[in-house]
Amino acid sequence: MNLESLEKEILSLIEGEKNLVANLANISSSIFYSYPGLNWCGFYLWDETDQELILGPFQGRAACLRIKAGKGVCGTSYLKKETIKVDDVHEFPGHIACDSASESELVVPMIKNGKVLGVLDLDAPVKARFTDQDAKDFTRIMERVVKQLY
């Protein structure tokens, strides 16, 4: 499935449903089973009280529960408010190895009115799995998802 078709599927899945957890669960499942070559796909959501990202709905092996702003790829994406594509996670300073099988990563922030609400995290067991076009496409998809969910 190409990312344009995946985008349509995701937006259709969440149409009319207001429960954030249910929607993010379906989105992570849809991406995980439609976008080949992933070993993990899920969300980390910003918790205002604890001031850190907390694990949300996902597909894959058990993951890190909490990530501080600026730590690892997810925390860095959160802090910089930008999508980060990492071809080799072992070369990313401070990478958090939740799953030792992960070799590359793509993290997309979920931004509404300049505030990062969380991040979409995609991991792959091969180096350089994600292209620059993938980063652009997933950024666009998450922008549309945020508009529909929040």
N, C-alpha and C. Protein backbone atom coordinates (compact mmCIF):
# COMPACT_ATOMS: atom_id res chain seq x y z
N MET A 1 0.85 -1.18 0.00
CA MET A 1 0.00 0.00 0.00
C MET A 1 0.89 1.24 0.00
N ASN A 2 0.57 2.18 -0.89
CA ASN A 2 1.35 3.41 -0.90
C ASN A 2 0.86 4.35 0.21
N LEU A 3 1.64 5.37 0.50
CA LEU A 3 1.30 6.24 1.62
C LEU A 3 0.06 7.09 1.37
N GLU A 4 -0.24 7.38 0.11
CA GLU A 4 -1.47 8.12 -0.19
C GLU A 4 -2.69 7.27 0.17
N SER A 5 -2.65 5.99 -0.17
CA SER A 5 -3.75 5.09 0.18
C SER A 5 -3.84 4.91 1.69
N LEU A 6 -2.68 4.80 2.33
CA LEU A 6 -2.65 4.65 3.79
C LEU A 6 -3.25 5.89 4.46
N GLU A 7 -2.93 7.05 3.94
CA GLU A 7 -3.47 8.29 4.49
C GLU A 7 -5.01 8.29 4.42
N LYS A 8 -5.54 7.91 3.27
CA LYS A 8 -7.00 7.85 3.11
C LYS A 8 -7.61 6.85 4.08
N GLU A 9 -6.96 5.68 4.24
CA GLU A 9 -7.46 4.67 5.18
C GLU A 9 -7.48 5.20 6.60
N ILE A 10 -6.40 5.84 7.01
CA ILE A 10 -6.30 6.37 8.38
C ILE A 10 -7.38 7.42 8.63
N LEU A 11 -7.52 8.36 7.71
CA LEU A 11 -8.51 9.43 7.90
C LEU A 11 -9.93 8.86 7.92
N SER A 12 -10.16 7.82 7.14
CA SER A 12 -11.46 7.16 7.15
C SER A 12 -11.71 6.45 8.48
N LEU A 13 -10.67 5.80 9.02
CA LEU A 13 -10.79 5.07 10.28
C LEU A 13 -11.19 5.98 11.44
N ILE A 14 -10.65 7.19 11.46
CA ILE A 14 -10.87 8.07 12.61
C ILE A 14 -12.05 9.03 12.42
N GLU A 15 -12.62 9.03 11.23
CA GLU A 15 -13.74 9.93 10.95
C GLU A 15 -14.90 9.67 11.89
N GLY A 16 -15.32 10.70 12.60
CA GLY A 16 -16.48 10.60 13.48
C GLY A 16 -16.20 10.03 14.86
N GLU A 17 -14.98 9.52 15.09
CA GLU A 17 -14.64 8.97 16.42
C GLU A 17 -13.82 10.01 17.17
N LYS A 18 -14.21 10.32 18.40
CA LYS A 18 -13.55 11.36 19.18
C LYS A 18 -12.59 10.81 20.24
N ASN A 19 -12.62 9.50 20.50
CA ASN A 19 -11.74 8.95 21.54
C ASN A 19 -10.32 8.86 21.03
N LEU A 20 -9.43 9.59 21.67
CA LEU A 20 -8.04 9.68 21.23
C LEU A 20 -7.34 8.32 21.27
N VAL A 21 -7.47 7.59 22.35
CA VAL A 21 -6.78 6.30 22.49
C VAL A 21 -7.24 5.32 21.42
N ALA A 22 -8.54 5.24 21.20
CA ALA A 22 -9.08 4.34 20.18
C ALA A 22 -8.55 4.71 18.80
N ASN A 23 -8.53 6.00 18.50
CA ASN A 23 -8.04 6.44 17.20
C ASN A 23 -6.55 6.16 17.01
N LEU A 24 -5.75 6.47 18.02
CA LEU A 24 -4.31 6.23 17.91
C LEU A 24 -4.01 4.73 17.82
N ALA A 25 -4.80 3.91 18.50
CA ALA A 25 -4.63 2.46 18.41
C ALA A 25 -4.87 1.99 16.98
N ASN A 26 -5.94 2.46 16.37
CA ASN A 26 -6.23 2.07 14.99
C ASN A 26 -5.20 2.62 14.01
N ILE A 27 -4.72 3.83 14.24
CA ILE A 27 -3.70 4.41 13.36
C ILE A 27 -2.41 3.60 13.44
N SER A 28 -1.97 3.28 14.65
CA SER A 28 -0.72 2.52 14.79
C SER A 28 -0.85 1.14 14.15
N SER A 29 -2.00 0.51 14.30
CA SER A 29 -2.22 -0.80 13.68
C SER A 29 -2.23 -0.69 12.17
N SER A 30 -2.92 0.30 11.66
CA SER A 30 -3.01 0.49 10.21
C SER A 30 -1.63 0.71 9.60
N ILE A 31 -0.83 1.56 10.21
CA ILE A 31 0.52 1.81 9.70
C ILE A 31 1.37 0.55 9.80
N PHE A 32 1.35 -0.10 10.95
CA PHE A 32 2.20 -1.27 11.19
C PHE A 32 1.93 -2.39 10.18
N TYR A 33 0.67 -2.60 9.86
CA TYR A 33 0.32 -3.71 8.97
C TYR A 33 0.24 -3.32 7.50
N SER A 34 0.33 -2.02 7.19
CA SER A 34 0.25 -1.58 5.80
C SER A 34 1.57 -1.07 5.25
N TYR A 35 2.45 -0.62 6.12
CA TYR A 35 3.73 -0.05 5.70
C TYR A 35 4.82 -1.08 5.99
N PRO A 36 5.35 -1.72 4.98
CA PRO A 36 6.26 -2.85 5.19
C PRO A 36 7.59 -2.48 5.86
N GLY A 37 8.15 -3.44 6.56
CA GLY A 37 9.49 -3.31 7.10
C GLY A 37 9.61 -2.68 8.47
N LEU A 38 8.51 -2.57 9.20
CA LEU A 38 8.57 -1.99 10.54
C LEU A 38 8.67 -3.08 11.60
N ASN A 39 9.35 -2.78 12.70
CA ASN A 39 9.29 -3.67 13.85
C ASN A 39 8.60 -2.99 15.05
N TRP A 40 8.27 -1.69 14.89
CA TRP A 40 7.54 -0.98 15.94
C TRP A 40 6.88 0.26 15.34
N CYS A 41 5.68 0.54 15.77
CA CYS A 41 4.96 1.73 15.33
C CYS A 41 4.03 2.14 16.46
N GLY A 42 4.15 3.38 16.90
CA GLY A 42 3.27 3.81 17.98
C GLY A 42 3.43 5.28 18.30
N PHE A 43 2.78 5.64 19.39
CA PHE A 43 2.72 7.03 19.80
C PHE A 43 3.26 7.21 21.21
N TYR A 44 3.89 8.36 21.42
CA TYR A 44 4.22 8.85 22.75
C TYR A 44 3.48 10.17 22.89
N LEU A 45 2.76 10.34 23.99
CA LEU A 45 1.95 11.52 24.21
C LEU A 45 2.52 12.37 25.34
N TRP A 46 2.53 13.69 25.13
CA TRP A 46 3.08 14.60 26.12
C TRP A 46 2.16 14.68 27.33
N ASP A 47 2.74 14.51 28.50
CA ASP A 47 2.00 14.61 29.75
C ASP A 47 2.40 15.91 30.44
N GLU A 48 1.46 16.84 30.53
CA GLU A 48 1.74 18.15 31.12
C GLU A 48 2.14 18.04 32.59
N THR A 49 1.52 17.14 33.32
CA THR A 49 1.81 16.99 34.75
C THR A 49 3.23 16.50 34.97
N ASP A 50 3.61 15.43 34.27
CA ASP A 50 4.94 14.84 34.46
C ASP A 50 6.02 15.48 33.59
N GLN A 51 5.59 16.30 32.63
CA GLN A 51 6.53 16.99 31.73
C GLN A 51 7.45 16.00 31.00
N GLU A 52 6.81 14.97 30.40
CA GLU A 52 7.56 14.01 29.59
C GLU A 52 6.60 13.29 28.65
N LEU A 53 7.17 12.62 27.67
CA LEU A 53 6.39 11.80 26.75
C LEU A 53 6.10 10.47 27.42
N ILE A 54 4.85 10.02 27.31
CA ILE A 54 4.45 8.75 27.91
C ILE A 54 3.90 7.85 26.81
N LEU A 55 4.27 6.59 26.89
CA LEU A 55 3.88 5.60 25.89
C LEU A 55 2.37 5.59 25.68
N GLY A 56 1.96 5.61 24.43
CA GLY A 56 0.56 5.52 24.04
C GLY A 56 0.33 4.25 23.24
N PRO A 57 -0.75 4.18 22.48
CA PRO A 57 -1.05 3.00 21.68
C PRO A 57 0.09 2.68 20.69
N PHE A 58 0.37 1.38 20.53
CA PHE A 58 1.46 0.97 19.65
C PHE A 58 1.27 -0.46 19.16
N GLN A 59 2.09 -0.83 18.18
CA GLN A 59 2.21 -2.20 17.68
C GLN A 59 3.68 -2.55 17.74
N GLY A 60 3.98 -3.73 18.26
CA GLY A 60 5.38 -4.17 18.36
C GLY A 60 5.69 -4.65 19.75
N ARG A 61 6.98 -4.82 20.02
CA ARG A 61 7.43 -5.29 21.32
C ARG A 61 7.22 -4.23 22.39
N ALA A 62 7.22 -4.66 23.64
CA ALA A 62 7.10 -3.72 24.76
C ALA A 62 8.13 -2.61 24.59
N ALA A 63 7.76 -1.40 25.02
CA ALA A 63 8.60 -0.23 24.76
C ALA A 63 8.87 0.57 26.02
N CYS A 64 9.76 1.53 25.88
CA CYS A 64 10.05 2.46 26.97
C CYS A 64 8.77 3.19 27.35
N LEU A 65 8.55 3.36 28.64
CA LEU A 65 7.31 3.98 29.11
C LEU A 65 7.35 5.50 29.08
N ARG A 66 8.50 6.07 29.41
CA ARG A 66 8.60 7.53 29.53
C ARG A 66 9.88 8.01 28.86
N ILE A 67 9.76 9.16 28.19
CA ILE A 67 10.91 9.77 27.52
C ILE A 67 10.90 11.26 27.82
N LYS A 68 12.01 11.75 28.32
CA LYS A 68 12.15 13.18 28.64
C LYS A 68 12.32 14.00 27.36
N ALA A 69 11.86 15.23 27.38
CA ALA A 69 12.07 16.14 26.26
C ALA A 69 13.57 16.26 25.98
N GLY A 70 13.93 16.14 24.73
CA GLY A 70 15.34 16.25 24.34
C GLY A 70 16.12 14.95 24.41
N LYS A 71 15.52 13.88 24.90
CA LYS A 71 16.21 12.59 25.03
C LYS A 71 15.82 11.66 23.89
N GLY A 72 16.80 11.00 23.29
CA GLY A 72 16.52 10.06 22.21
C GLY A 72 15.92 10.78 21.00
N VAL A 73 15.51 10.00 20.01
CA VAL A 73 14.94 10.58 18.80
C VAL A 73 13.56 11.18 19.10
N CYS A 74 12.75 10.47 19.88
CA CYS A 74 11.40 10.98 20.20
C CYS A 74 11.46 12.27 20.99
N GLY A 75 12.27 12.33 22.02
CA GLY A 75 12.38 13.53 22.83
C GLY A 75 12.98 14.70 22.07
N THR A 76 13.89 14.40 21.14
CA THR A 76 14.49 15.44 20.31
C THR A 76 13.48 15.99 19.32
N SER A 77 12.68 15.11 18.71
CA SER A 77 11.63 15.53 17.79
C SER A 77 10.62 16.41 18.53
N TYR A 78 10.28 16.00 19.74
CA TYR A 78 9.35 16.79 20.57
C TYR A 78 9.91 18.19 20.81
N LEU A 79 11.15 18.25 21.27
CA LEU A 79 11.77 19.52 21.64
C LEU A 79 11.96 20.44 20.44
N LYS A 80 12.39 19.87 19.29
CA LYS A 80 12.66 20.68 18.10
C LYS A 80 11.40 20.96 17.28
N LYS A 81 10.30 20.25 17.60
CA LYS A 81 9.05 20.40 16.85
C LYS A 81 9.24 20.11 15.38
N GLU A 82 10.02 19.04 15.09
CA GLU A 82 10.26 18.68 13.69
C GLU A 82 10.39 17.17 13.53
N THR A 83 10.10 16.73 12.31
CA THR A 83 10.25 15.31 11.96
C THR A 83 11.74 14.99 11.90
N ILE A 84 12.10 13.85 12.47
CA ILE A 84 13.50 13.43 12.44
C ILE A 84 13.58 12.03 11.84
N LYS A 85 14.42 11.91 10.80
CA LYS A 85 14.67 10.63 10.14
C LYS A 85 16.10 10.21 10.48
N VAL A 86 16.25 9.02 11.04
CA VAL A 86 17.57 8.54 11.44
C VAL A 86 17.86 7.25 10.67
N ASP A 87 18.89 7.29 9.82
CA ASP A 87 19.24 6.12 9.02
C ASP A 87 19.90 5.02 9.83
N ASP A 88 20.66 5.42 10.86
CA ASP A 88 21.34 4.45 11.72
C ASP A 88 21.23 4.94 13.16
N VAL A 89 20.34 4.29 13.92
CA VAL A 89 20.09 4.75 15.29
C VAL A 89 21.33 4.69 16.17
N HIS A 90 22.29 3.83 15.82
CA HIS A 90 23.50 3.70 16.63
C HIS A 90 24.40 4.93 16.50
N GLU A 91 24.12 5.76 15.49
CA GLU A 91 24.91 6.97 15.29
C GLU A 91 24.19 8.22 15.83
N PHE A 92 22.99 8.03 16.37
CA PHE A 92 22.24 9.17 16.91
C PHE A 92 22.64 9.36 18.36
N PRO A 93 23.20 10.53 18.71
CA PRO A 93 23.63 10.76 20.09
C PRO A 93 22.46 10.62 21.07
N GLY A 94 22.63 9.78 22.06
CA GLY A 94 21.62 9.60 23.09
C GLY A 94 20.45 8.73 22.68
N HIS A 95 20.60 7.97 21.60
CA HIS A 95 19.50 7.10 21.16
C HIS A 95 19.07 6.18 22.30
N ILE A 96 17.76 6.02 22.47
CA ILE A 96 17.22 5.13 23.49
C ILE A 96 16.86 3.82 22.82
N ALA A 97 17.52 2.75 23.21
CA ALA A 97 17.30 1.45 22.57
C ALA A 97 16.24 0.66 23.32
N CYS A 98 14.99 0.91 22.98
CA CYS A 98 13.90 0.14 23.60
C CYS A 98 13.86 -1.27 23.02
N ASP A 99 14.09 -1.39 21.72
CA ASP A 99 14.12 -2.69 21.03
C ASP A 99 15.47 -2.79 20.33
N SER A 100 16.28 -3.72 20.74
CA SER A 100 17.63 -3.86 20.18
C SER A 100 17.62 -4.20 18.69
N ALA A 101 16.48 -4.63 18.15
CA ALA A 101 16.38 -4.96 16.73
C ALA A 101 16.28 -3.70 15.85
N SER A 102 15.94 -2.57 16.44
CA SER A 102 15.76 -1.35 15.65
C SER A 102 17.09 -0.82 15.13
N GLU A 103 17.10 -0.49 13.84
CA GLU A 103 18.29 0.04 13.19
C GLU A 103 18.08 1.45 12.63
N SER A 104 16.83 1.76 12.25
CA SER A 104 16.52 3.10 11.76
C SER A 104 15.19 3.55 12.35
N GLU A 105 14.97 4.88 12.31
CA GLU A 105 13.80 5.42 13.00
C GLU A 105 13.31 6.68 12.31
N LEU A 106 12.00 6.86 12.37
CA LEU A 106 11.36 8.08 11.87
C LEU A 106 10.39 8.54 12.94
N VAL A 107 10.54 9.79 13.39
CA VAL A 107 9.67 10.33 14.43
C VAL A 107 9.04 11.63 13.92
N VAL A 108 7.71 11.69 14.03
CA VAL A 108 6.94 12.82 13.53
C VAL A 108 6.16 13.45 14.69
N PRO A 109 6.39 14.74 14.96
CA PRO A 109 5.64 15.38 16.04
C PRO A 109 4.20 15.66 15.63
N MET A 110 3.32 15.61 16.62
CA MET A 110 1.91 15.93 16.43
C MET A 110 1.73 17.34 17.01
N ILE A 111 1.56 18.33 16.12
CA ILE A 111 1.56 19.73 16.54
C ILE A 111 0.20 20.38 16.28
N LYS A 112 -0.30 21.08 17.30
CA LYS A 112 -1.54 21.85 17.16
C LYS A 112 -1.30 23.23 17.79
N ASN A 113 -1.52 24.27 17.01
CA ASN A 113 -1.33 25.65 17.48
C ASN A 113 0.05 25.85 18.10
N GLY A 114 1.07 25.30 17.46
CA GLY A 114 2.44 25.46 17.92
C GLY A 114 2.85 24.60 19.10
N LYS A 115 1.94 23.79 19.63
CA LYS A 115 2.22 22.94 20.78
C LYS A 115 2.32 21.48 20.34
N VAL A 116 3.38 20.80 20.78
CA VAL A 116 3.55 19.39 20.45
C VAL A 116 2.75 18.55 21.44
N LEU A 117 1.80 17.79 20.93
CA LEU A 117 0.92 16.96 21.75
C LEU A 117 1.48 15.57 21.97
N GLY A 118 2.38 15.17 21.09
CA GLY A 118 2.99 13.86 21.15
C GLY A 118 3.76 13.61 19.88
N VAL A 119 4.21 12.35 19.70
CA VAL A 119 4.95 12.00 18.49
C VAL A 119 4.51 10.62 17.99
N LEU A 120 4.58 10.47 16.67
CA LEU A 120 4.46 9.16 16.03
C LEU A 120 5.88 8.64 15.89
N ASP A 121 6.12 7.41 16.32
CA ASP A 121 7.45 6.81 16.28
C ASP A 121 7.39 5.54 15.43
N LEU A 122 8.22 5.49 14.38
CA LEU A 122 8.32 4.31 13.52
C LEU A 122 9.75 3.78 13.60
N ASP A 123 9.88 2.49 13.87
CA ASP A 123 11.20 1.84 13.94
C ASP A 123 11.25 0.72 12.91
N ALA A 124 12.45 0.52 12.36
CA ALA A 124 12.65 -0.55 11.39
C ALA A 124 13.92 -1.33 11.74
N PRO A 125 13.93 -2.64 11.45
CA PRO A 125 15.08 -3.48 11.78
C PRO A 125 16.18 -3.44 10.72
N VAL A 126 16.12 -2.49 9.79
CA VAL A 126 17.16 -2.31 8.77
C VAL A 126 17.58 -0.85 8.76
N LYS A 127 18.83 -0.63 8.41
CA LYS A 127 19.34 0.73 8.31
C LYS A 127 18.71 1.43 7.11
N ALA A 128 18.52 2.74 7.22
CA ALA A 128 18.04 3.59 6.13
C ALA A 128 16.72 3.11 5.53
N ARG A 129 15.81 2.64 6.37
CA ARG A 129 14.51 2.16 5.89
C ARG A 129 13.64 3.30 5.37
N PHE A 130 13.78 4.47 5.96
CA PHE A 130 12.88 5.58 5.65
C PHE A 130 13.54 6.57 4.69
N THR A 131 12.76 7.03 3.72
CA THR A 131 13.25 8.00 2.74
C THR A 131 12.85 9.41 3.17
N ASP A 132 13.44 10.39 2.51
CA ASP A 132 13.04 11.78 2.76
C ASP A 132 11.57 11.96 2.39
N GLN A 133 11.13 11.27 1.33
CA GLN A 133 9.72 11.36 0.92
C GLN A 133 8.81 10.75 1.99
N ASP A 134 9.24 9.64 2.60
CA ASP A 134 8.47 9.05 3.70
C ASP A 134 8.30 10.08 4.82
N ALA A 135 9.38 10.78 5.15
CA ALA A 135 9.32 11.78 6.22
C ALA A 135 8.31 12.88 5.87
N LYS A 136 8.33 13.34 4.63
CA LYS A 136 7.37 14.37 4.20
C LYS A 136 5.95 13.83 4.25
N ASP A 137 5.77 12.61 3.75
CA ASP A 137 4.42 12.02 3.69
C ASP A 137 3.85 11.79 5.08
N PHE A 138 4.64 11.20 5.98
CA PHE A 138 4.14 10.96 7.34
C PHE A 138 3.91 12.27 8.09
N THR A 139 4.70 13.29 7.81
CA THR A 139 4.47 14.60 8.42
C THR A 139 3.12 15.15 7.97
N ARG A 140 2.85 15.07 6.68
CA ARG A 140 1.56 15.53 6.15
C ARG A 140 0.40 14.72 6.74
N ILE A 141 0.57 13.41 6.80
CA ILE A 141 -0.48 12.55 7.35
C ILE A 141 -0.78 12.95 8.79
N MET A 142 0.25 13.16 9.59
CA MET A 142 0.03 13.50 11.00
C MET A 142 -0.57 14.90 11.14
N GLU A 143 -0.23 15.82 10.26
CA GLU A 143 -0.87 17.14 10.30
C GLU A 143 -2.37 17.00 10.07
N ARG A 144 -2.76 16.17 9.13
CA ARG A 144 -4.18 15.96 8.84
C ARG A 144 -4.87 15.22 9.98
N VAL A 145 -4.17 14.23 10.56
CA VAL A 145 -4.73 13.48 11.69
C VAL A 145 -4.99 14.41 12.87
N VAL A 146 -4.02 15.26 13.20
CA VAL A 146 -4.16 16.18 14.33
C VAL A 146 -5.35 17.10 14.11
N LYS A 147 -5.52 17.61 12.90
CA LYS A 147 -6.67 18.49 12.62
C LYS A 147 -7.99 17.76 12.86
N GLN A 148 -8.01 16.47 12.55
CA GLN A 148 -9.24 15.70 12.71
C GLN A 148 -9.48 15.25 14.15
N LEU A 149 -8.40 15.01 14.89
CA LEU A 149 -8.54 14.46 16.25
C LEU A 149 -8.68 15.52 17.34
N TYR A 150 -8.05 16.65 17.18
CA TYR A 150 -8.00 17.62 18.27
C TYR A 150 -8.83 18.85 17.95
